[in-house]
Amino acid sequence: MAATVWKGFLTFGLIPIPLRLHSAARSKRVGFHQSHASDLTRVKQRLYCPADERVVGRSEIVRGYETGKNRRIVVEDEEVQKAAPPSS
């Protein structure tokens, strides 16, 4: 749910009506996570895979998007380029 920008009351006579104002704009930026290619576990900054309990190399890292708790999909560079809007 979007964060409330303003909240207050609109009053008609003796009847107050509570209101909340939310931002209508959304961020156009999509965030990705670095994940271990074999099991899609998110890696830490030192590129350590907690599922395999070992440090992984850069060649084993893929771009992943989290779709739910402990659920991820791999996103390839070509897919990101296709999703980007055309420049005007």
N, C-alpha and C. Protein backbone atom coordinates (compact mmCIF):
# COMPACT_ATOMS: atom_id res chain seq x y z
N MET A 1 0.85 -1.17 0.00
CA MET A 1 0.00 0.00 0.00
C MET A 1 0.89 1.24 0.00
N ALA A 2 0.45 2.24 -0.71
CA ALA A 2 1.22 3.49 -0.81
C ALA A 2 1.21 4.23 0.53
N ALA A 3 2.25 4.97 0.78
CA ALA A 3 2.34 5.76 2.00
C ALA A 3 1.37 6.93 1.94
N THR A 4 0.79 7.25 3.08
CA THR A 4 -0.14 8.37 3.15
C THR A 4 0.63 9.68 3.12
N VAL A 5 0.26 10.56 2.18
CA VAL A 5 0.89 11.87 2.05
C VAL A 5 0.22 12.87 3.00
N TRP A 6 -1.09 12.77 3.13
CA TRP A 6 -1.85 13.68 3.99
C TRP A 6 -3.06 12.94 4.51
N LYS A 7 -3.45 13.22 5.74
CA LYS A 7 -4.72 12.69 6.24
C LYS A 7 -5.40 13.77 7.07
N GLY A 8 -6.71 13.76 7.01
CA GLY A 8 -7.48 14.77 7.70
C GLY A 8 -8.96 14.46 7.60
N PHE A 9 -9.79 15.46 7.82
CA PHE A 9 -11.23 15.27 7.81
C PHE A 9 -11.88 16.29 6.90
N LEU A 10 -12.92 15.86 6.21
CA LEU A 10 -13.79 16.75 5.44
C LEU A 10 -15.10 16.80 6.22
N THR A 11 -15.52 17.98 6.61
CA THR A 11 -16.69 18.10 7.46
C THR A 11 -17.85 18.74 6.71
N PHE A 12 -19.00 18.06 6.74
CA PHE A 12 -20.25 18.59 6.22
C PHE A 12 -21.18 18.80 7.40
N GLY A 13 -21.31 20.02 7.84
CA GLY A 13 -22.13 20.30 9.01
C GLY A 13 -21.52 19.66 10.24
N LEU A 14 -22.22 18.70 10.83
CA LEU A 14 -21.73 18.00 12.01
C LEU A 14 -21.15 16.63 11.69
N ILE A 15 -21.03 16.31 10.40
CA ILE A 15 -20.56 14.98 10.01
C ILE A 15 -19.12 15.07 9.48
N PRO A 16 -18.14 14.60 10.24
CA PRO A 16 -16.76 14.57 9.74
C PRO A 16 -16.49 13.28 8.96
N ILE A 17 -15.85 13.40 7.81
CA ILE A 17 -15.52 12.24 6.98
C ILE A 17 -13.99 12.15 6.93
N PRO A 18 -13.42 11.03 7.43
CA PRO A 18 -11.96 10.90 7.41
C PRO A 18 -11.46 10.68 5.98
N LEU A 19 -10.37 11.35 5.64
CA LEU A 19 -9.77 11.23 4.30
C LEU A 19 -8.28 10.96 4.42
N ARG A 20 -7.75 10.25 3.42
CA ARG A 20 -6.30 10.05 3.29
C ARG A 20 -5.92 10.31 1.85
N LEU A 21 -4.82 10.99 1.66
CA LEU A 21 -4.32 11.30 0.33
C LEU A 21 -3.05 10.50 0.09
N HIS A 22 -3.05 9.72 -1.00
CA HIS A 22 -1.90 8.89 -1.35
C HIS A 22 -1.27 9.40 -2.63
N SER A 23 0.01 9.19 -2.78
CA SER A 23 0.72 9.58 -4.00
C SER A 23 0.25 8.71 -5.16
N ALA A 24 -0.03 9.33 -6.30
CA ALA A 24 -0.48 8.59 -7.47
C ALA A 24 0.68 8.16 -8.36
N ALA A 25 1.84 8.74 -8.16
CA ALA A 25 3.00 8.41 -8.99
C ALA A 25 3.74 7.22 -8.39
N ARG A 26 4.27 6.38 -9.27
CA ARG A 26 5.06 5.23 -8.85
C ARG A 26 6.47 5.35 -9.40
N SER A 27 7.38 4.76 -8.71
CA SER A 27 8.76 4.74 -9.18
C SER A 27 8.85 3.86 -10.42
N LYS A 28 9.56 4.31 -11.44
CA LYS A 28 9.71 3.55 -12.67
C LYS A 28 10.92 2.63 -12.61
N ARG A 29 11.64 2.69 -11.54
CA ARG A 29 12.85 1.88 -11.40
C ARG A 29 12.50 0.49 -10.86
N VAL A 30 13.09 -0.53 -11.44
CA VAL A 30 12.90 -1.90 -10.99
C VAL A 30 14.17 -2.34 -10.29
N GLY A 31 14.05 -2.87 -9.11
CA GLY A 31 15.22 -3.32 -8.36
C GLY A 31 15.47 -4.81 -8.55
N PHE A 32 16.71 -5.17 -8.76
CA PHE A 32 17.09 -6.57 -8.91
C PHE A 32 18.02 -6.96 -7.78
N HIS A 33 18.12 -8.25 -7.54
CA HIS A 33 19.02 -8.80 -6.54
C HIS A 33 20.02 -9.70 -7.24
N GLN A 34 21.22 -9.77 -6.70
CA GLN A 34 22.20 -10.72 -7.21
C GLN A 34 21.94 -12.05 -6.52
N SER A 35 21.85 -13.13 -7.33
CA SER A 35 21.54 -14.45 -6.80
C SER A 35 22.52 -15.48 -7.34
N HIS A 36 22.71 -16.55 -6.57
CA HIS A 36 23.56 -17.65 -6.99
C HIS A 36 22.82 -18.41 -8.09
N ALA A 37 23.47 -18.65 -9.24
CA ALA A 37 22.82 -19.22 -10.42
C ALA A 37 22.24 -20.61 -10.17
N SER A 38 22.87 -21.44 -9.35
CA SER A 38 22.42 -22.82 -9.20
C SER A 38 21.17 -22.97 -8.33
N ASP A 39 20.97 -22.11 -7.32
CA ASP A 39 19.81 -22.26 -6.44
C ASP A 39 19.04 -20.97 -6.19
N LEU A 40 19.45 -19.86 -6.83
CA LEU A 40 18.78 -18.55 -6.76
C LEU A 40 18.72 -17.95 -5.36
N THR A 41 19.62 -18.37 -4.48
CA THR A 41 19.72 -17.76 -3.15
C THR A 41 20.42 -16.42 -3.29
N ARG A 42 19.89 -15.38 -2.63
CA ARG A 42 20.54 -14.07 -2.68
C ARG A 42 21.91 -14.16 -2.05
N VAL A 43 22.89 -13.53 -2.69
CA VAL A 43 24.25 -13.56 -2.18
C VAL A 43 24.52 -12.30 -1.38
N LYS A 44 25.46 -12.40 -0.47
CA LYS A 44 25.86 -11.25 0.34
C LYS A 44 26.93 -10.48 -0.41
N GLN A 45 27.34 -9.34 0.10
CA GLN A 45 28.30 -8.48 -0.58
C GLN A 45 29.61 -9.19 -0.89
N ARG A 46 30.03 -10.07 -0.01
CA ARG A 46 31.28 -10.79 -0.27
C ARG A 46 31.03 -11.98 -1.19
N LEU A 47 29.85 -12.04 -1.80
CA LEU A 47 29.44 -13.08 -2.74
C LEU A 47 29.49 -14.46 -2.08
N TYR A 48 28.87 -14.54 -0.92
CA TYR A 48 28.80 -15.78 -0.15
C TYR A 48 27.39 -16.34 -0.29
N CYS A 49 27.28 -17.61 -0.64
CA CYS A 49 25.97 -18.26 -0.76
C CYS A 49 25.68 -19.01 0.53
N PRO A 50 24.69 -18.56 1.33
CA PRO A 50 24.40 -19.23 2.59
C PRO A 50 23.81 -20.63 2.41
N ALA A 51 23.16 -20.90 1.28
CA ALA A 51 22.59 -22.23 1.04
C ALA A 51 23.70 -23.27 0.83
N ASP A 52 24.75 -22.88 0.08
CA ASP A 52 25.88 -23.78 -0.17
C ASP A 52 27.00 -23.60 0.85
N GLU A 53 26.90 -22.56 1.69
CA GLU A 53 27.90 -22.22 2.71
C GLU A 53 29.29 -22.09 2.10
N ARG A 54 29.38 -21.30 1.03
CA ARG A 54 30.67 -21.07 0.40
C ARG A 54 30.65 -19.74 -0.35
N VAL A 55 31.83 -19.22 -0.60
CA VAL A 55 31.97 -18.00 -1.39
C VAL A 55 31.87 -18.41 -2.86
N VAL A 56 31.07 -17.66 -3.64
CA VAL A 56 30.88 -17.98 -5.06
C VAL A 56 31.60 -16.93 -5.91
N GLY A 57 31.99 -17.34 -7.10
CA GLY A 57 32.67 -16.43 -8.02
C GLY A 57 31.68 -15.58 -8.80
N ARG A 58 32.18 -14.51 -9.40
CA ARG A 58 31.33 -13.62 -10.20
C ARG A 58 30.66 -14.37 -11.36
N SER A 59 31.31 -15.40 -11.89
CA SER A 59 30.74 -16.15 -13.00
C SER A 59 29.51 -16.96 -12.58
N GLU A 60 29.32 -17.15 -11.28
CA GLU A 60 28.18 -17.91 -10.77
C GLU A 60 27.01 -17.00 -10.37
N ILE A 61 27.13 -15.71 -10.58
CA ILE A 61 26.11 -14.75 -10.16
C ILE A 61 25.19 -14.43 -11.34
N VAL A 62 23.88 -14.44 -11.07
CA VAL A 62 22.87 -14.06 -12.07
C VAL A 62 22.00 -12.96 -11.49
N ARG A 63 21.30 -12.25 -12.34
CA ARG A 63 20.37 -11.21 -11.90
C ARG A 63 19.03 -11.89 -11.63
N GLY A 64 18.50 -11.65 -10.44
CA GLY A 64 17.23 -12.27 -10.08
C GLY A 64 16.23 -11.25 -9.57
N TYR A 65 14.95 -11.59 -9.70
CA TYR A 65 13.86 -10.74 -9.22
C TYR A 65 13.05 -11.56 -8.23
N GLU A 66 12.79 -10.98 -7.06
CA GLU A 66 12.05 -11.68 -6.02
C GLU A 66 10.55 -11.56 -6.28
N THR A 67 9.87 -12.71 -6.45
CA THR A 67 8.44 -12.72 -6.73
C THR A 67 7.61 -13.03 -5.50
N GLY A 68 8.24 -13.43 -4.44
CA GLY A 68 7.57 -13.73 -3.18
C GLY A 68 8.62 -14.12 -2.16
N LYS A 69 8.18 -14.50 -0.98
CA LYS A 69 9.14 -14.88 0.05
C LYS A 69 9.87 -16.14 -0.39
N ASN A 70 11.19 -16.03 -0.50
CA ASN A 70 12.06 -17.13 -0.94
C ASN A 70 11.71 -17.66 -2.32
N ARG A 71 11.12 -16.83 -3.18
CA ARG A 71 10.81 -17.23 -4.56
C ARG A 71 11.43 -16.19 -5.48
N ARG A 72 12.24 -16.67 -6.42
CA ARG A 72 12.95 -15.77 -7.33
C ARG A 72 12.94 -16.31 -8.74
N ILE A 73 13.11 -15.41 -9.69
CA ILE A 73 13.26 -15.79 -11.09
C ILE A 73 14.53 -15.14 -11.63
N VAL A 74 15.13 -15.77 -12.63
CA VAL A 74 16.33 -15.21 -13.26
C VAL A 74 15.89 -14.26 -14.35
N VAL A 75 16.52 -13.09 -14.42
CA VAL A 75 16.23 -12.10 -15.45
C VAL A 75 17.51 -11.89 -16.25
N GLU A 76 17.45 -12.19 -17.54
CA GLU A 76 18.61 -12.05 -18.42
C GLU A 76 18.72 -10.61 -18.92
N ASP A 77 19.92 -10.23 -19.37
CA ASP A 77 20.15 -8.88 -19.89
C ASP A 77 19.24 -8.57 -21.07
N GLU A 78 18.99 -9.56 -21.93
CA GLU A 78 18.13 -9.35 -23.10
C GLU A 78 16.70 -9.00 -22.68
N GLU A 79 16.22 -9.63 -21.60
CA GLU A 79 14.87 -9.35 -21.11
C GLU A 79 14.77 -7.93 -20.57
N VAL A 80 15.81 -7.47 -19.91
CA VAL A 80 15.82 -6.10 -19.38
C VAL A 80 15.81 -5.11 -20.53
N GLN A 81 16.58 -5.37 -21.58
CA GLN A 81 16.62 -4.47 -22.73
C GLN A 81 15.27 -4.44 -23.45
N LYS A 82 14.59 -5.59 -23.55
CA LYS A 82 13.27 -5.63 -24.20
C LYS A 82 12.23 -4.86 -23.39
N ALA A 83 12.36 -4.90 -22.06
CA ALA A 83 11.39 -4.23 -21.19
C ALA A 83 11.58 -2.73 -21.13
N ALA A 84 12.76 -2.25 -21.49
CA ALA A 84 13.04 -0.81 -21.44
C ALA A 84 12.21 -0.08 -22.49
N PRO A 85 11.60 1.04 -22.15
CA PRO A 85 10.81 1.79 -23.13
C PRO A 85 11.72 2.40 -24.19
N PRO A 86 11.19 2.56 -25.41
CA PRO A 86 12.01 3.17 -26.46
C PRO A 86 12.31 4.63 -26.14
N SER A 87 13.51 5.06 -26.50
CA SER A 87 13.86 6.45 -26.24
C SER A 87 13.18 7.35 -27.25
N SER A 88 12.84 8.54 -26.83
CA SER A 88 12.13 9.46 -27.73
C SER A 88 13.04 10.52 -28.28
